[in-house]
Structures are given as C-alpha cells and as structure tokens.
Amino acid sequence: MMRRSMPCKVIYVPKGKAFEYCPLAVNLFRGCSHACSYCYVPGISYQTKEIFSIPIPRRDIIEKIRKEAPAHRGHKVFLCFTCDPYQKAHDHLKLPAKAISALHDGGAFVSILTKSGMLSAQDFPLLGRGDEYGATLTFIKKEDSDRWEPGAASPIERIEALEKAHAAGIPTWASIEPVIDPAQSLELIRITHPSSMYSRSGNGTTIHGQIKSTGNPSQRQPWNSSENIIKSISSKKTWRHISHRIIQADIAPKPARIKFALHPPQIAP
C-alpha cells in the first residue's frame, strides 16, 4: 500500500539560532534579489548565485498562510528567513501585504525583517499592536553596502524606514548582522539606539550580533560558500569583546538582545 506524503507546512518553527529571532516563520519567495555576498541560503539550498538571485513567489503561498494562520493565533510569525519579504520585481503582487492580512485574519502577528528600505513602508498602515518592524543593518558606508549587498536598499534608506515606522507607532528593531566591519556595526548601534528609534510600546531595539567575516571584501570566499566565511577573527570570543564594548559604552538600547552564545561573560543570557 502506498503511503501518502504529509503536506509541508509553510509556517514553520525555525531551527538552531534562527529560533532566537522568532519562534515561527514563513518564507514568501524562493530566492532573493539582494544577492548579499554573505548569504548562507544558496549554499544550504544547493543553488548557484545566478539562480538564487532571481526570486520566485512560492506557489499558493497566501492561500496556505491563510489556512495555517488560525493554528498560530496569538503568536508572532517572522517574515522572512531565507529571502527578503520585499522583492522589487514582484512588488505588483503585494505578497507581503497579503501575507500580513492573512496572518492577522487568523489571529497571528507579524515580525518583519527587511533590507528593502522605503519599499516596505507601503505596508506600515497594516501593522498594529503586537506586530513589529525591523531592518538589517550591516554598514554605514554606501560603497561597502553596494559591494556586499548590491540589491538591497542603502543604509540611509533602511534607517529612514525605521524612523518612519517608529513615527507611525510601530515597534521597531534593528538586526546588526553580519558584523563585517565592527567599527561600522558599533556606529550603527549608536545611530539607531536613541529614544526616537525605540518602539512606543517600550520594546526597544533588538541587536542580533553575528560575525561572518572581517576580512578584505575583495578577498572574501565564494558567495554560496558561507561555511568558508566563518574563519579566523570570526569567533565567539571576538563578538563577546564587541558586545562588551557595547555594554561598557552604554550604547546598547534597553532592553537589548545579543545572541545567547555570544554574551560577554559578565552579562547573563
């Protein structure tokens, strides 16, 4: 007798360190046009840079979210881990807006993380109490961002989007990762930590520190070989030193969240 295969759920529980971001997640696309040099997804999905950089909407993704959302009533769902939820080439589909509405209709909340800057601002009116909006911030210098994240919005635009979200009363947070240039990461925290960047609900800004590489960008490893990037200075010890400096300088927002494994010794996880 043939055994029926169980349908895969599109809303899933992230594994490993990703769980620290959110206990539930959904990915709207296969692939991502940001083409970040440090992205781990092409490697784990056995795709080339060229294939992965062409995002494709997941089949029937909104219908599946709408069907599964009621089972996660009262919980927060992360958009997205293996892609950016906002892809310019597919903006006409309005998938993020439809996903937000489907999750809300099922009683769930959303946590957005994006590098798409003001493109995501179109959905701010959909976000309310229980939702949150975050931006990944890696560099201050546009030339560095252009080199490492050629398809993403500029750092200034991402920060502007955070400010606009905060002004709209949306809880905001920043994911400071990967740490490629520690000096720029620390400066990003200084720029985004003032009270104007905090959520009005008092949730503050979240810092997720993850060191990928601090080497010369021109000498980085192949784009789809992230396991080769985490080398030498990219160590827990190094990030503990950085996080210690953050706390000592009192530039970390209160409350701040630093990855459990990377806390400085005197900071309780």
Protein backbone atom coordinates (compact mmCIF):
# COMPACT_ATOMS: atom_id res chain seq x y z
CA MET A 1 0.00 0.00 0.00
CA MET A 2 1.37 3.42 -0.95
CA ARG A 3 1.96 5.81 1.90
CA ARG A 4 0.59 9.33 1.44
CA SER A 5 3.14 12.08 1.98
CA MET A 6 2.20 14.72 4.54
CA PRO A 7 1.86 18.23 3.07
CA CYS A 8 4.63 20.59 4.15
CA LYS A 9 3.61 23.49 6.35
CA VAL A 10 4.62 26.94 5.13
CA ILE A 11 4.55 28.36 8.67
CA TYR A 12 7.31 26.52 10.47
CA VAL A 13 9.43 26.52 13.63
CA PRO A 14 12.94 27.81 12.83
CA LYS A 15 15.84 25.59 13.81
CA GLY A 16 19.02 26.48 15.65
CA LYS A 17 19.98 30.10 16.26
CA ALA A 18 17.22 31.37 13.99
CA PHE A 19 14.75 30.47 16.75
CA GLU A 20 16.13 33.40 18.77
CA TYR A 21 14.61 35.81 16.26
CA CYS A 22 11.12 34.38 16.32
CA PRO A 23 9.51 31.03 17.20
CA LEU A 24 7.60 30.88 13.90
CA ALA A 25 8.43 31.92 10.34
CA VAL A 26 7.25 31.84 6.74
CA ASN A 27 9.17 32.50 3.51
CA LEU A 28 7.30 34.18 0.67
CA PHE A 29 9.86 33.62 -2.09
CA ARG A 30 12.38 31.09 -3.29
CA GLY A 31 15.46 33.20 -3.87
CA CYS A 32 16.30 36.84 -3.22
CA SER A 33 17.40 39.67 -5.49
CA HIS A 34 19.60 41.33 -2.88
CA ALA A 35 22.48 39.00 -3.81
CA CYS A 36 24.28 39.51 -0.49
CA SER A 37 27.81 38.12 -0.59
CA TYR A 38 27.50 36.69 2.92
CA CYS A 39 24.13 34.95 2.40
CA TYR A 40 24.07 31.35 3.60
CA VAL A 41 20.89 30.27 1.80
CA PRO A 42 22.31 29.41 -1.68
CA GLY A 43 24.76 27.03 -0.03
CA ILE A 44 22.20 25.15 2.05
CA SER A 45 19.70 25.03 -0.82
CA TYR A 46 22.32 23.87 -3.36
CA GLN A 47 21.70 26.77 -5.74
CA THR A 48 24.07 28.93 -7.72
CA LYS A 49 24.30 32.67 -7.18
CA GLU A 50 22.64 33.31 -10.52
CA ILE A 51 19.64 31.06 -9.84
CA PHE A 52 19.09 32.22 -6.26
CA SER A 53 19.26 35.91 -7.21
CA ILE A 54 16.06 35.52 -9.25
CA PRO A 55 13.25 35.33 -6.66
CA ILE A 56 10.19 33.25 -7.42
CA PRO A 57 6.97 33.56 -5.38
CA ARG A 58 6.13 30.33 -3.58
CA ARG A 59 3.17 28.59 -5.10
CA ASP A 60 -0.16 29.35 -3.41
CA ILE A 61 1.73 30.90 -0.50
CA ILE A 62 -1.06 33.28 0.58
CA GLU A 63 -3.73 30.59 0.48
CA LYS A 64 -1.52 28.31 2.55
CA ILE A 65 -0.78 31.05 5.09
CA ARG A 66 -4.48 31.80 5.40
CA LYS A 67 -5.21 28.12 6.01
CA GLU A 68 -2.48 27.67 8.64
CA ALA A 69 -2.66 31.03 10.45
CA PRO A 70 -5.54 30.17 12.84
CA ALA A 71 -3.40 27.43 14.38
CA HIS A 72 -0.96 30.15 15.47
CA ARG A 73 -3.45 32.61 16.91
CA GLY A 74 -1.77 34.97 19.37
CA HIS A 75 1.74 34.12 18.15
CA LYS A 76 4.19 36.11 16.06
CA VAL A 77 5.32 34.93 12.62
CA PHE A 78 8.62 36.09 11.11
CA LEU A 79 8.85 37.44 7.52
CA CYS A 80 11.29 36.08 6.27
CA PHE A 81 14.45 34.00 6.90
CA THR A 82 15.51 32.63 3.51
CA CYS A 83 14.57 35.71 1.49
CA ASP A 84 13.62 39.33 1.92
CA PRO A 85 9.82 39.69 2.06
CA TYR A 86 10.03 42.71 -0.27
CA GLN A 87 11.25 41.98 -3.79
CA LYS A 88 11.06 44.84 -6.31
CA ALA A 89 10.46 42.58 -9.29
CA HIS A 90 7.33 41.18 -7.67
CA ASP A 91 6.08 44.29 -5.90
CA HIS A 92 2.97 44.31 -8.10
CA LEU A 93 1.86 41.07 -6.42
CA LYS A 94 1.81 42.73 -2.97
CA LEU A 95 2.64 39.40 -1.33
CA PRO A 96 3.86 40.91 1.99
CA ALA A 97 0.63 42.89 2.38
CA LYS A 98 -1.45 39.83 1.58
CA ALA A 99 0.60 37.70 4.00
CA ILE A 100 0.20 40.27 6.78
CA SER A 101 -3.56 40.39 6.22
CA ALA A 102 -3.84 36.60 6.12
CA LEU A 103 -1.91 36.25 9.37
CA HIS A 104 -3.97 38.96 11.05
CA ASP A 105 -7.19 37.36 9.88
CA GLY A 106 -6.06 34.16 11.56
CA GLY A 107 -5.26 35.97 14.80
CA ALA A 108 -1.47 35.92 14.41
CA PHE A 109 1.02 38.80 14.47
CA VAL A 110 4.00 39.57 12.24
CA SER A 111 7.65 40.42 12.72
CA ILE A 112 9.18 41.86 9.56
CA LEU A 113 12.91 41.94 8.83
CA THR A 114 13.99 43.59 5.59
CA LYS A 115 16.77 45.37 3.72
CA SER A 116 14.34 46.94 1.27
CA GLY A 117 14.02 50.31 2.96
CA MET A 118 11.13 52.52 1.91
CA LEU A 119 9.66 49.86 -0.38
CA SER A 120 8.36 48.22 2.80
CA ALA A 121 6.78 51.45 4.09
CA GLN A 122 3.72 50.83 1.93
CA ASP A 123 2.62 48.20 4.46
CA PHE A 124 3.10 50.26 7.63
CA PRO A 125 -0.65 51.07 7.79
CA LEU A 126 -1.30 47.31 8.12
CA LEU A 127 0.92 46.89 11.18
CA GLY A 128 -0.54 47.34 14.62
CA ARG A 129 -0.19 46.39 18.25
CA GLY A 130 1.56 43.04 18.51
CA ASP A 131 3.43 43.46 15.21
CA GLU A 132 6.99 44.72 14.77
CA TYR A 133 9.22 46.04 12.00
CA GLY A 134 12.96 45.50 11.75
CA ALA A 135 15.78 46.35 9.37
CA THR A 136 19.05 44.51 8.88
CA LEU A 137 21.90 47.00 9.21
CA THR A 138 25.39 45.92 8.18
CA PHE A 139 27.24 49.03 7.01
CA ILE A 140 27.12 52.80 7.24
CA LYS A 141 29.21 53.37 4.14
CA LYS A 142 27.12 53.05 0.99
CA GLU A 143 30.09 51.83 -1.04
CA ASP A 144 30.51 48.86 1.32
CA SER A 145 26.81 48.08 1.21
CA ASP A 146 26.83 48.29 -2.59
CA ARG A 147 29.71 45.83 -2.69
CA TRP A 148 28.33 43.29 -0.23
CA GLU A 149 24.56 43.82 -0.68
CA PRO A 150 24.18 45.08 -4.26
CA GLY A 151 20.42 44.55 -4.49
CA ALA A 152 19.47 45.97 -1.10
CA ALA A 153 18.38 49.49 -0.21
CA SER A 154 21.05 51.88 1.02
CA PRO A 155 21.84 52.01 4.76
CA ILE A 156 20.39 55.52 4.99
CA GLU A 157 17.14 54.41 3.38
CA ARG A 158 16.81 51.47 5.80
CA ILE A 159 17.30 53.78 8.77
CA GLU A 160 14.75 56.22 7.30
CA ALA A 161 12.26 53.37 7.07
CA LEU A 162 12.87 52.50 10.73
CA GLU A 163 12.27 56.13 11.69
CA LYS A 164 9.06 56.25 9.68
CA ALA A 165 7.83 53.02 11.27
CA HIS A 166 8.53 54.39 14.72
CA ALA A 167 6.75 57.62 13.91
CA ALA A 168 3.73 55.52 12.93
CA GLY A 169 3.76 53.87 16.37
CA ILE A 170 5.11 50.53 15.16
CA PRO A 171 7.55 48.67 17.45
CA THR A 172 10.92 48.82 15.70
CA TRP A 173 14.14 46.84 15.96
CA ALA A 174 17.45 46.52 14.17
CA SER A 175 19.35 43.35 13.37
CA ILE A 176 23.02 44.34 13.40
CA GLU A 177 24.43 41.45 11.43
CA PRO A 178 26.57 40.11 10.00
CA VAL A 179 29.39 42.05 11.62
CA ILE A 180 31.86 42.51 8.80
CA ASP A 181 33.36 45.80 9.99
CA PRO A 182 32.97 46.03 13.79
CA ALA A 183 33.52 49.80 13.78
CA GLN A 184 30.62 50.32 11.39
CA SER A 185 28.38 47.96 13.38
CA LEU A 186 29.09 49.86 16.59
CA GLU A 187 28.37 53.16 14.86
CA LEU A 188 25.08 51.78 13.52
CA ILE A 189 24.06 50.97 17.08
CA ARG A 190 24.98 54.49 18.19
CA ILE A 191 22.90 55.97 15.37
CA THR A 192 19.80 53.84 15.87
CA HIS A 193 19.67 53.48 19.65
CA PRO A 194 18.24 56.89 20.70
CA SER A 195 14.72 57.07 22.05
CA SER A 196 13.44 58.20 18.65
CA MET A 197 14.21 54.71 17.40
CA TYR A 198 12.52 52.88 20.26
CA SER A 199 9.07 51.48 19.87
CA ARG A 200 6.38 53.40 21.72
CA SER A 201 5.38 50.20 23.43
CA GLY A 202 8.78 50.12 25.11
CA ASN A 203 10.09 47.01 23.36
CA GLY A 204 13.25 48.81 22.36
CA THR A 205 15.64 47.85 19.61
CA THR A 206 16.93 44.32 19.29
CA ILE A 207 20.55 43.64 18.44
CA HIS A 208 21.46 40.30 16.94
CA GLY A 209 25.22 40.07 16.55
CA GLN A 210 26.66 37.51 14.23
CA ILE A 211 30.17 37.76 12.89
CA LYS A 212 30.64 36.41 9.39
CA SER A 213 33.88 37.96 8.23
CA THR A 214 36.07 40.95 8.96
CA GLY A 215 38.43 40.35 6.07
CA ASN A 216 39.03 42.38 2.94
CA PRO A 217 35.83 42.25 0.82
CA SER A 218 37.92 41.63 -2.28
CA GLN A 219 39.33 38.50 -0.66
CA ARG A 220 36.03 37.07 0.56
CA GLN A 221 35.07 33.47 -0.11
CA PRO A 222 32.64 32.46 -2.88
CA TRP A 223 29.12 33.88 -2.49
CA ASN A 224 27.47 30.50 -1.97
CA SER A 225 30.10 29.07 0.38
CA SER A 226 29.13 30.69 3.68
CA GLU A 227 30.69 27.86 5.67
CA ASN A 228 34.06 29.07 4.39
CA ILE A 229 33.45 32.64 5.53
CA ILE A 230 33.28 31.95 9.26
CA LYS A 231 37.03 31.86 9.82
CA SER A 232 39.84 33.29 11.96
CA ILE A 233 38.66 36.50 13.60
CA SER A 234 35.04 35.48 13.10
CA SER A 235 34.72 33.88 16.50
CA LYS A 236 32.52 33.97 19.56
CA LYS A 237 35.42 35.43 21.52
CA THR A 238 35.63 38.35 19.10
CA TRP A 239 31.93 39.12 19.30
CA ARG A 240 31.99 38.83 23.11
CA HIS A 241 34.62 41.58 23.04
CA ILE A 242 32.42 43.72 20.79
CA SER A 243 29.31 43.14 22.89
CA HIS A 244 31.33 44.01 26.00
CA ARG A 245 32.24 47.33 24.36
CA ILE A 246 28.59 47.95 23.55
CA ILE A 247 27.57 47.49 27.17
CA GLN A 248 30.54 49.45 28.56
CA ALA A 249 29.87 52.38 26.25
CA ASP A 250 26.19 52.29 27.21
CA ILE A 251 25.20 52.43 23.55
CA ALA A 252 23.09 49.29 23.59
CA PRO A 253 19.37 50.08 23.82
CA LYS A 254 17.49 48.89 26.86
CA PRO A 255 16.44 46.17 26.57
CA ALA A 256 18.94 44.77 24.07
CA ARG A 257 19.21 41.19 22.92
CA ILE A 258 22.56 39.73 22.00
CA LYS A 259 22.72 36.16 20.74
CA PHE A 260 22.75 33.78 23.69
CA ALA A 261 26.06 32.14 22.75
CA LEU A 262 27.79 35.48 22.28
CA HIS A 263 27.15 37.24 25.56
CA PRO A 264 30.18 38.68 27.32
CA PRO A 265 30.96 36.65 30.46
CA GLN A 266 29.56 39.23 32.88
CA ILE A 267 26.23 39.51 31.04
CA ALA A 268 23.64 36.89 31.90
CA PRO A 269 21.98 35.38 28.81
